[in-house]
N, C-alpha and C. Protein backbone atom coordinates (compact mmCIF):
# COMPACT_ATOMS: atom_id res chain seq x y z
N MET A 1 114.46 139.41 105.21
CA MET A 1 113.23 139.37 104.45
C MET A 1 113.21 138.12 103.58
N LYS A 2 112.06 137.45 103.55
CA LYS A 2 111.92 136.22 102.78
C LYS A 2 111.88 136.52 101.29
N GLU A 3 112.52 135.65 100.53
CA GLU A 3 112.43 135.76 99.08
C GLU A 3 111.05 135.28 98.66
N LYS A 4 110.45 135.99 97.74
CA LYS A 4 109.16 135.56 97.20
C LYS A 4 109.42 135.00 95.81
N GLN A 5 109.40 133.70 95.72
CA GLN A 5 109.61 133.06 94.44
C GLN A 5 108.43 132.16 94.15
N ARG A 6 108.40 131.63 92.96
CA ARG A 6 107.30 130.75 92.58
C ARG A 6 107.30 129.51 93.46
N GLY A 7 106.19 129.26 94.11
CA GLY A 7 106.05 128.06 94.91
C GLY A 7 105.96 126.83 94.03
N LEU A 8 106.57 125.78 94.48
CA LEU A 8 106.60 124.52 93.74
C LEU A 8 105.56 123.56 94.27
N THR A 9 105.20 122.60 93.44
CA THR A 9 104.36 121.48 93.87
C THR A 9 105.22 120.23 93.77
N LEU A 10 105.39 119.56 94.91
CA LEU A 10 106.23 118.37 94.99
C LEU A 10 105.38 117.18 95.41
N ILE A 11 105.60 116.07 94.74
CA ILE A 11 104.87 114.83 95.03
C ILE A 11 105.87 113.77 95.46
N TYR A 12 105.62 113.16 96.61
CA TYR A 12 106.38 111.99 97.06
C TYR A 12 105.41 110.82 97.06
N THR A 13 105.65 109.84 96.20
CA THR A 13 104.72 108.72 96.06
C THR A 13 105.50 107.42 95.92
N GLY A 14 104.81 106.32 95.74
CA GLY A 14 105.43 105.01 95.57
C GLY A 14 105.11 104.09 96.73
N ASP A 15 105.52 102.83 96.58
CA ASP A 15 105.21 101.80 97.57
C ASP A 15 106.26 101.68 98.67
N GLY A 16 107.38 102.38 98.53
CA GLY A 16 108.43 102.29 99.52
C GLY A 16 108.19 103.19 100.72
N LYS A 17 108.97 102.93 101.76
CA LYS A 17 108.89 103.71 103.00
C LYS A 17 109.70 104.99 102.84
N GLY A 18 109.18 106.11 103.31
CA GLY A 18 109.97 107.32 103.33
C GLY A 18 109.33 108.55 102.73
N LYS A 19 108.07 108.45 102.31
CA LYS A 19 107.40 109.61 101.68
C LYS A 19 107.11 110.70 102.70
N THR A 20 106.49 110.32 103.80
CA THR A 20 106.25 111.30 104.86
C THR A 20 107.58 111.79 105.42
N THR A 21 108.52 110.88 105.59
CA THR A 21 109.83 111.24 106.11
C THR A 21 110.50 112.28 105.22
N ALA A 22 110.38 112.14 103.92
CA ALA A 22 110.95 113.14 102.99
C ALA A 22 110.30 114.50 103.20
N SER A 23 108.98 114.50 103.38
CA SER A 23 108.28 115.78 103.57
C SER A 23 108.65 116.42 104.92
N ILE A 24 108.91 115.59 105.91
CA ILE A 24 109.33 116.10 107.22
C ILE A 24 110.73 116.72 107.11
N GLY A 25 111.62 116.05 106.39
CA GLY A 25 112.96 116.59 106.18
C GLY A 25 112.91 117.91 105.45
N LEU A 26 112.09 118.00 104.41
CA LEU A 26 111.91 119.24 103.67
C LEU A 26 111.38 120.33 104.61
N SER A 27 110.45 119.97 105.48
CA SER A 27 109.87 120.93 106.42
C SER A 27 110.91 121.47 107.39
N VAL A 28 111.76 120.58 107.89
CA VAL A 28 112.82 120.99 108.81
C VAL A 28 113.77 121.96 108.09
N ARG A 29 114.12 121.64 106.86
CA ARG A 29 115.00 122.52 106.07
C ARG A 29 114.34 123.88 105.87
N ALA A 30 113.05 123.88 105.53
CA ALA A 30 112.34 125.14 105.29
C ALA A 30 112.33 126.01 106.55
N VAL A 31 112.03 125.40 107.69
CA VAL A 31 112.01 126.15 108.95
C VAL A 31 113.40 126.73 109.23
N GLY A 32 114.44 125.97 108.92
CA GLY A 32 115.80 126.45 109.11
C GLY A 32 116.10 127.70 108.31
N HIS A 33 115.38 127.90 107.21
CA HIS A 33 115.56 129.09 106.39
C HIS A 33 114.49 130.15 106.65
N GLY A 34 113.74 129.98 107.75
CA GLY A 34 112.79 131.00 108.14
C GLY A 34 111.44 130.92 107.45
N LEU A 35 111.17 129.83 106.76
CA LEU A 35 109.86 129.68 106.11
C LEU A 35 108.84 129.15 107.11
N SER A 36 107.59 129.52 106.92
CA SER A 36 106.52 129.02 107.77
C SER A 36 105.95 127.75 107.13
N VAL A 37 105.71 126.75 107.97
CA VAL A 37 105.30 125.43 107.49
C VAL A 37 104.09 124.95 108.28
N LYS A 38 103.17 124.31 107.58
CA LYS A 38 102.06 123.62 108.24
C LYS A 38 101.89 122.27 107.56
N ILE A 39 101.69 121.23 108.37
CA ILE A 39 101.52 119.88 107.86
C ILE A 39 100.15 119.38 108.26
N LEU A 40 99.41 118.91 107.26
CA LEU A 40 98.09 118.32 107.49
C LEU A 40 98.16 116.84 107.11
N GLN A 41 97.79 115.98 108.04
CA GLN A 41 97.85 114.54 107.79
C GLN A 41 96.43 114.01 107.57
N PHE A 42 96.20 113.49 106.36
CA PHE A 42 94.86 113.08 105.95
C PHE A 42 94.40 111.75 106.52
N ILE A 43 95.29 110.84 106.83
CA ILE A 43 94.90 109.50 107.27
C ILE A 43 95.12 109.33 108.77
N LYS A 44 96.24 109.82 109.29
CA LYS A 44 96.55 109.62 110.70
C LYS A 44 95.50 110.29 111.58
N SER A 45 95.22 109.62 112.72
CA SER A 45 94.17 110.12 113.62
C SER A 45 94.76 110.82 114.83
N LYS A 46 93.94 111.65 115.44
CA LYS A 46 94.34 112.41 116.62
C LYS A 46 94.59 111.52 117.84
N GLY A 47 94.06 110.32 117.81
CA GLY A 47 94.10 109.46 118.98
C GLY A 47 95.42 108.79 119.26
N ARG A 48 96.44 109.04 118.45
CA ARG A 48 97.73 108.40 118.65
C ARG A 48 98.83 109.45 118.78
N SER A 49 99.97 109.02 119.25
CA SER A 49 101.13 109.90 119.37
C SER A 49 102.11 109.57 118.26
N TYR A 50 102.59 110.61 117.57
CA TYR A 50 103.50 110.43 116.44
C TYR A 50 104.78 111.20 116.71
N GLY A 51 105.91 110.54 116.50
CA GLY A 51 107.21 111.15 116.75
C GLY A 51 107.43 112.43 115.97
N GLU A 52 106.98 112.44 114.70
CA GLU A 52 107.18 113.64 113.90
C GLU A 52 106.41 114.83 114.47
N GLN A 53 105.25 114.58 115.02
CA GLN A 53 104.48 115.66 115.62
C GLN A 53 105.19 116.23 116.84
N ILE A 54 105.69 115.36 117.68
CA ILE A 54 106.38 115.79 118.89
C ILE A 54 107.59 116.65 118.53
N SER A 55 108.38 116.19 117.57
CA SER A 55 109.59 116.92 117.18
C SER A 55 109.27 118.24 116.50
N LEU A 56 108.38 118.20 115.53
CA LEU A 56 108.09 119.41 114.75
C LEU A 56 107.44 120.50 115.59
N GLU A 57 106.62 120.12 116.54
CA GLU A 57 106.02 121.14 117.40
C GLU A 57 107.09 121.86 118.21
N LYS A 58 108.19 121.18 118.54
CA LYS A 58 109.31 121.83 119.24
C LYS A 58 109.97 122.87 118.35
N LEU A 59 109.86 122.69 117.03
CA LEU A 59 110.41 123.65 116.07
C LEU A 59 109.40 124.72 115.68
N GLY A 60 108.20 124.64 116.24
CA GLY A 60 107.18 125.63 115.93
C GLY A 60 106.36 125.31 114.69
N VAL A 61 106.43 124.07 114.23
CA VAL A 61 105.66 123.66 113.06
C VAL A 61 104.35 123.02 113.54
N GLU A 62 103.25 123.55 113.04
CA GLU A 62 101.96 122.96 113.37
C GLU A 62 101.73 121.75 112.47
N ILE A 63 101.45 120.61 113.10
CA ILE A 63 101.17 119.38 112.38
C ILE A 63 99.86 118.83 112.94
N VAL A 64 98.89 118.62 112.06
CA VAL A 64 97.54 118.30 112.49
C VAL A 64 97.08 117.00 111.86
N GLN A 65 96.63 116.07 112.70
CA GLN A 65 96.05 114.83 112.20
C GLN A 65 94.56 115.06 111.97
N LEU A 66 94.13 114.82 110.75
CA LEU A 66 92.74 115.08 110.37
C LEU A 66 91.97 113.82 110.02
N GLY A 67 92.64 112.69 110.04
CA GLY A 67 92.02 111.44 109.61
C GLY A 67 91.46 110.63 110.76
N GLU A 68 91.07 109.41 110.39
CA GLU A 68 90.52 108.46 111.36
C GLU A 68 91.33 107.17 111.40
N GLY A 69 92.54 107.21 110.86
CA GLY A 69 93.38 106.01 110.87
C GLY A 69 93.12 105.14 109.65
N PHE A 70 93.55 103.90 109.74
CA PHE A 70 93.39 102.97 108.62
C PHE A 70 91.92 102.87 108.23
N THR A 71 91.66 102.74 106.93
CA THR A 71 90.27 102.76 106.45
C THR A 71 89.45 101.58 106.94
N TRP A 72 90.07 100.52 107.37
CA TRP A 72 89.32 99.37 107.85
C TRP A 72 89.01 99.44 109.34
N THR A 73 89.44 100.52 110.02
CA THR A 73 89.23 100.61 111.46
C THR A 73 87.93 101.27 111.87
N LYS A 74 87.29 101.95 110.96
CA LYS A 74 86.02 102.63 111.28
C LYS A 74 85.09 102.49 110.08
N THR A 75 83.87 102.94 110.23
CA THR A 75 82.91 102.82 109.13
C THR A 75 83.27 103.80 108.00
N PRO A 76 82.86 103.47 106.78
CA PRO A 76 83.09 104.41 105.68
C PRO A 76 82.54 105.80 105.95
N ASP A 77 81.37 105.90 106.60
CA ASP A 77 80.80 107.22 106.88
C ASP A 77 81.72 108.06 107.78
N VAL A 78 82.33 107.43 108.76
CA VAL A 78 83.24 108.14 109.66
C VAL A 78 84.43 108.67 108.87
N HIS A 79 84.99 107.82 108.00
CA HIS A 79 86.14 108.23 107.19
C HIS A 79 85.75 109.31 106.18
N ARG A 80 84.59 109.18 105.59
CA ARG A 80 84.14 110.17 104.60
C ARG A 80 83.99 111.55 105.26
N LYS A 81 83.40 111.58 106.45
CA LYS A 81 83.26 112.86 107.15
C LYS A 81 84.62 113.46 107.48
N ALA A 82 85.55 112.61 107.90
CA ALA A 82 86.90 113.10 108.22
C ALA A 82 87.58 113.64 106.96
N LEU A 83 87.45 112.94 105.85
CA LEU A 83 88.06 113.40 104.60
C LEU A 83 87.46 114.71 104.12
N GLU A 84 86.15 114.83 104.24
CA GLU A 84 85.49 116.07 103.83
C GLU A 84 85.99 117.25 104.66
N SER A 85 86.07 117.03 105.97
CA SER A 85 86.56 118.08 106.86
C SER A 85 88.03 118.38 106.58
N ALA A 86 88.84 117.34 106.39
CA ALA A 86 90.27 117.53 106.10
C ALA A 86 90.46 118.32 104.82
N TRP A 87 89.66 118.04 103.80
CA TRP A 87 89.80 118.74 102.53
C TRP A 87 89.45 120.22 102.70
N THR A 88 88.43 120.52 103.48
CA THR A 88 88.07 121.91 103.75
C THR A 88 89.22 122.63 104.44
N VAL A 89 89.81 122.00 105.45
CA VAL A 89 90.94 122.59 106.17
C VAL A 89 92.13 122.79 105.22
N ALA A 90 92.39 121.80 104.37
CA ALA A 90 93.52 121.89 103.43
C ALA A 90 93.34 123.06 102.47
N LYS A 91 92.17 123.19 101.89
CA LYS A 91 91.92 124.30 100.95
C LYS A 91 92.11 125.64 101.65
N GLU A 92 91.53 125.78 102.84
CA GLU A 92 91.64 127.04 103.58
C GLU A 92 93.09 127.34 103.94
N THR A 93 93.84 126.32 104.35
CA THR A 93 95.23 126.51 104.75
C THR A 93 96.08 126.95 103.57
N VAL A 94 95.97 126.25 102.45
CA VAL A 94 96.78 126.59 101.27
C VAL A 94 96.40 127.97 100.76
N MET A 95 95.13 128.21 100.59
CA MET A 95 94.67 129.46 99.96
C MET A 95 94.84 130.67 100.87
N SER A 96 95.03 130.46 102.16
CA SER A 96 95.23 131.60 103.07
C SER A 96 96.53 132.35 102.73
N GLY A 97 97.48 131.65 102.15
CA GLY A 97 98.77 132.27 101.85
C GLY A 97 99.61 132.53 103.07
N LYS A 98 99.15 132.09 104.22
CA LYS A 98 99.84 132.34 105.49
C LYS A 98 101.12 131.51 105.61
N TYR A 99 101.16 130.38 104.92
CA TYR A 99 102.30 129.47 105.05
C TYR A 99 103.10 129.45 103.75
N ASP A 100 104.42 129.32 103.90
CA ASP A 100 105.29 129.20 102.74
C ASP A 100 105.31 127.77 102.22
N VAL A 101 105.16 126.81 103.12
CA VAL A 101 105.15 125.39 102.77
C VAL A 101 103.94 124.76 103.44
N VAL A 102 103.14 124.05 102.64
CA VAL A 102 102.03 123.27 103.18
C VAL A 102 102.22 121.84 102.71
N VAL A 103 102.24 120.91 103.66
CA VAL A 103 102.35 119.49 103.36
C VAL A 103 100.98 118.86 103.55
N LEU A 104 100.50 118.20 102.49
CA LEU A 104 99.26 117.43 102.56
C LEU A 104 99.67 115.96 102.58
N ASP A 105 99.95 115.49 103.80
CA ASP A 105 100.49 114.16 103.99
C ASP A 105 99.42 113.10 103.77
N GLU A 106 99.74 112.13 102.92
CA GLU A 106 98.87 111.01 102.58
C GLU A 106 97.60 111.42 101.84
N LEU A 107 97.62 112.60 101.22
CA LEU A 107 96.50 112.98 100.37
C LEU A 107 96.35 111.99 99.22
N ASN A 108 97.48 111.55 98.65
CA ASN A 108 97.40 110.58 97.56
C ASN A 108 96.68 109.31 98.01
N ASN A 109 96.98 108.83 99.21
CA ASN A 109 96.31 107.64 99.74
C ASN A 109 94.80 107.88 99.81
N ALA A 110 94.43 109.04 100.31
CA ALA A 110 93.00 109.36 100.45
C ALA A 110 92.31 109.38 99.09
N LEU A 111 92.97 109.98 98.10
CA LEU A 111 92.38 110.04 96.75
C LEU A 111 92.26 108.66 96.11
N ALA A 112 93.08 107.71 96.56
CA ALA A 112 93.11 106.37 95.96
C ALA A 112 92.19 105.38 96.66
N ILE A 113 91.49 105.81 97.70
CA ILE A 113 90.59 104.89 98.40
C ILE A 113 89.55 104.38 97.41
N ASP A 114 89.41 103.05 97.36
CA ASP A 114 88.40 102.48 96.46
C ASP A 114 87.43 101.54 97.17
N SER A 115 87.57 101.43 98.49
CA SER A 115 86.66 100.57 99.25
C SER A 115 85.35 101.27 99.60
N PHE A 116 85.30 102.59 99.40
CA PHE A 116 84.07 103.37 99.54
C PHE A 116 84.26 104.64 98.73
N PRO A 117 83.17 105.30 98.35
CA PRO A 117 83.30 106.50 97.51
C PRO A 117 83.90 107.68 98.28
N VAL A 118 84.82 108.39 97.62
CA VAL A 118 85.41 109.58 98.23
C VAL A 118 85.34 110.80 97.31
N ASP A 119 85.06 110.60 96.03
CA ASP A 119 85.16 111.72 95.09
C ASP A 119 84.19 112.85 95.41
N ASP A 120 83.07 112.56 96.06
CA ASP A 120 82.13 113.63 96.38
C ASP A 120 82.58 114.45 97.59
N VAL A 121 83.44 113.89 98.46
CA VAL A 121 83.92 114.63 99.63
C VAL A 121 85.36 115.11 99.45
N LEU A 122 86.05 114.54 98.47
CA LEU A 122 87.44 114.90 98.16
C LEU A 122 87.60 114.84 96.63
N PRO A 123 86.99 115.80 95.95
CA PRO A 123 86.96 115.76 94.48
C PRO A 123 88.32 116.01 93.85
N ILE A 124 88.73 115.11 92.95
CA ILE A 124 90.02 115.24 92.28
C ILE A 124 90.10 116.55 91.51
N HIS A 125 88.99 117.00 90.92
CA HIS A 125 89.06 118.27 90.17
C HIS A 125 89.36 119.44 91.09
N GLU A 126 88.92 119.38 92.34
CA GLU A 126 89.24 120.45 93.30
C GLU A 126 90.71 120.40 93.72
N VAL A 127 91.26 119.19 93.81
CA VAL A 127 92.68 119.07 94.13
C VAL A 127 93.50 119.69 93.01
N LYS A 128 93.13 119.39 91.78
CA LYS A 128 93.82 119.97 90.62
C LYS A 128 93.70 121.50 90.63
N GLU A 129 92.52 122.00 90.92
CA GLU A 129 92.31 123.45 90.98
C GLU A 129 93.15 124.09 92.08
N LEU A 130 93.27 123.41 93.22
CA LEU A 130 94.08 123.95 94.31
C LEU A 130 95.54 124.06 93.87
N ILE A 131 96.05 123.03 93.21
CA ILE A 131 97.44 123.07 92.73
C ILE A 131 97.62 124.23 91.74
N GLN A 132 96.67 124.37 90.84
CA GLN A 132 96.79 125.39 89.79
C GLN A 132 96.58 126.81 90.30
N ASN A 133 95.80 126.98 91.37
CA ASN A 133 95.41 128.32 91.82
C ASN A 133 95.97 128.72 93.18
N LYS A 134 96.86 127.92 93.75
CA LYS A 134 97.42 128.25 95.06
C LYS A 134 98.17 129.59 94.98
N PRO A 135 98.30 130.28 96.10
CA PRO A 135 99.08 131.52 96.08
C PRO A 135 100.47 131.25 95.51
N GLN A 136 100.98 132.21 94.77
CA GLN A 136 102.20 132.01 94.00
C GLN A 136 103.40 131.57 94.84
N HIS A 137 103.52 132.06 96.07
CA HIS A 137 104.70 131.75 96.88
C HIS A 137 104.62 130.42 97.62
N VAL A 138 103.47 129.79 97.65
CA VAL A 138 103.26 128.59 98.46
C VAL A 138 103.86 127.36 97.78
N HIS A 139 104.73 126.68 98.53
CA HIS A 139 105.25 125.37 98.11
C HIS A 139 104.27 124.34 98.66
N LEU A 140 103.75 123.49 97.79
CA LEU A 140 102.77 122.48 98.17
C LEU A 140 103.41 121.12 98.03
N VAL A 141 103.38 120.34 99.11
CA VAL A 141 103.97 119.01 99.12
C VAL A 141 102.84 118.00 99.36
N ILE A 142 102.74 117.03 98.47
CA ILE A 142 101.68 116.02 98.56
C ILE A 142 102.35 114.65 98.63
N THR A 143 102.00 113.88 99.67
CA THR A 143 102.62 112.57 99.84
C THR A 143 101.58 111.46 99.74
N GLY A 144 102.08 110.25 99.66
CA GLY A 144 101.23 109.07 99.71
C GLY A 144 101.35 108.20 98.47
N ARG A 145 101.01 106.96 98.67
CA ARG A 145 101.03 105.98 97.58
C ARG A 145 99.98 106.32 96.53
N ASN A 146 100.19 105.74 95.37
CA ASN A 146 99.18 105.77 94.30
C ASN A 146 98.77 107.17 93.86
N ALA A 147 99.75 108.03 93.67
CA ALA A 147 99.44 109.39 93.18
C ALA A 147 98.75 109.28 91.82
N LYS A 148 97.68 110.03 91.67
CA LYS A 148 96.93 110.05 90.42
C LYS A 148 97.77 110.71 89.33
N GLU A 149 97.65 110.19 88.12
CA GLU A 149 98.43 110.73 86.99
C GLU A 149 98.15 112.22 86.77
N GLU A 150 96.88 112.63 86.90
CA GLU A 150 96.56 114.04 86.65
C GLU A 150 97.14 114.97 87.71
N ILE A 151 97.41 114.43 88.89
CA ILE A 151 98.07 115.21 89.94
C ILE A 151 99.57 115.28 89.63
N LYS A 152 100.15 114.15 89.25
CA LYS A 152 101.59 114.13 88.93
C LYS A 152 101.90 115.05 87.75
N GLU A 153 101.00 115.14 86.79
CA GLU A 153 101.22 116.00 85.63
C GLU A 153 101.32 117.48 86.02
N LEU A 154 100.64 117.88 87.08
CA LEU A 154 100.66 119.27 87.52
C LEU A 154 101.86 119.60 88.41
N ALA A 155 102.56 118.60 88.87
CA ALA A 155 103.65 118.79 89.82
C ALA A 155 104.92 119.27 89.14
N ASP A 156 105.74 119.95 89.92
CA ASP A 156 107.07 120.36 89.46
C ASP A 156 108.09 119.26 89.72
N LEU A 157 107.80 118.41 90.71
CA LEU A 157 108.69 117.31 91.06
C LEU A 157 107.83 116.12 91.46
N VAL A 158 108.18 114.97 90.95
CA VAL A 158 107.56 113.72 91.39
C VAL A 158 108.69 112.77 91.75
N SER A 159 108.78 112.39 93.01
CA SER A 159 109.75 111.41 93.47
C SER A 159 108.99 110.15 93.84
N VAL A 160 109.44 109.03 93.28
CA VAL A 160 108.81 107.75 93.55
C VAL A 160 109.74 106.95 94.45
N VAL A 161 109.23 106.59 95.62
CA VAL A 161 109.99 105.81 96.58
C VAL A 161 109.59 104.35 96.39
N ASP A 162 110.54 103.55 95.93
CA ASP A 162 110.27 102.12 95.71
C ASP A 162 110.81 101.30 96.88
N VAL A 163 110.25 100.13 97.04
CA VAL A 163 110.72 99.21 98.07
C VAL A 163 111.45 98.06 97.37
N GLU A 164 112.64 97.79 97.85
CA GLU A 164 113.39 96.64 97.34
C GLU A 164 113.36 95.52 98.37
N LYS A 165 113.39 95.90 99.64
CA LYS A 165 113.37 94.95 100.74
C LYS A 165 112.73 95.65 101.93
N HIS A 166 111.91 94.94 102.68
CA HIS A 166 111.26 95.56 103.85
C HIS A 166 111.17 94.54 104.98
N TYR A 167 111.48 94.98 106.18
CA TYR A 167 111.45 94.10 107.35
C TYR A 167 110.04 93.61 107.69
N TYR A 168 109.00 94.28 107.21
CA TYR A 168 107.63 93.78 107.40
C TYR A 168 107.50 92.38 106.83
N ASP A 169 108.18 92.13 105.71
CA ASP A 169 108.11 90.83 105.05
C ASP A 169 108.69 89.72 105.92
N GLU A 170 109.48 90.08 106.92
CA GLU A 170 110.05 89.12 107.85
C GLU A 170 109.28 89.08 109.16
N GLY A 171 108.12 89.73 109.19
CA GLY A 171 107.27 89.69 110.37
C GLY A 171 107.56 90.77 111.41
N VAL A 172 108.44 91.70 111.11
CA VAL A 172 108.74 92.79 112.05
C VAL A 172 107.58 93.79 112.01
N LYS A 173 107.03 94.08 113.15
CA LYS A 173 105.92 95.03 113.26
C LYS A 173 106.43 96.47 113.20
N ALA A 174 105.50 97.44 113.14
CA ALA A 174 105.86 98.85 113.14
C ALA A 174 106.72 99.18 114.36
N VAL A 175 107.78 99.92 114.14
CA VAL A 175 108.76 100.23 115.18
C VAL A 175 108.62 101.70 115.60
N ARG A 176 108.48 101.90 116.93
CA ARG A 176 108.40 103.26 117.47
C ARG A 176 109.68 104.02 117.09
N GLY A 177 109.51 105.22 116.59
CA GLY A 177 110.65 106.04 116.18
C GLY A 177 111.05 105.81 114.74
N ILE A 178 110.56 104.75 114.12
CA ILE A 178 110.85 104.48 112.71
C ILE A 178 109.58 104.68 111.88
N GLU A 179 108.48 104.05 112.28
CA GLU A 179 107.21 104.21 111.56
C GLU A 179 106.31 105.29 112.14
N PHE A 180 106.40 105.50 113.44
CA PHE A 180 105.49 106.46 114.08
C PHE A 180 106.19 107.18 115.20
């Protein structure tokens, strides 16, 4: 029988590489202890193949891409519709209480978009309400750069991943199995 304890809110943020990777590791650990996990990816699009999705589905973890990719790849309207839909799915998933761990991957990135308006389709006050009112047992993990201060204040853990050196600076492109 699963222990019912207070669910935590964990934030992985910062400019370094490894925020999604940390949430994936946490998810693998949770599944190992019999917890149910669902991962929702706010920026990544359905049109690509991601290593984490392939692996986690083998473990029985549902991982869903709800975004449209990089914000410069499609029109703002396309991204806004995707964010609005993703936020609806996220609220329903968390509040259902069906999962012990819910990862909202790159939600911080989505909240930080400033090249077009997002607050009407992804309101920060609703994100705060979700954190404050989620079912007691649900562990909520939020990843992505530029976490808002008001979100970090509500979290039980905030880990900041910094970059000291990155191979991108030497012209190395995204590597299969490392970035995706």
